[in-house]
Amino acid sequence: RASIGHCVFYKCCMNGSGHLKEEYNLPSHLCPVDLRKLIKRLDCYVLDRYQKLLDFYKLVDFQDDMKWISKRLDELK
């Protein structure tokens, strides 16, 4: 199987980076293009993935990510 590769469409966690400073500035979420690639490759559902991410973000208390993923879940439901 071919890899998903670096993102060239949006700013997302699949963008390439050349050093740690650049890496730390990337968002922690996938853009719509790479999310579709991942969902198709893994044969899973967006709502399930987002719910599991929300559960994890709550566990580790990632407030910003919790807000982001909660908003996405509300939009999809």
Foldseek 3Di string as FASTA:
>chain_A
DDDPAADPDDQAQRHDDDDDVRNVPGDDHDDPVVVVVVCVVVVDDPLVVLVVVLVVCVVVVVPVSNVVSVVVNVVVD
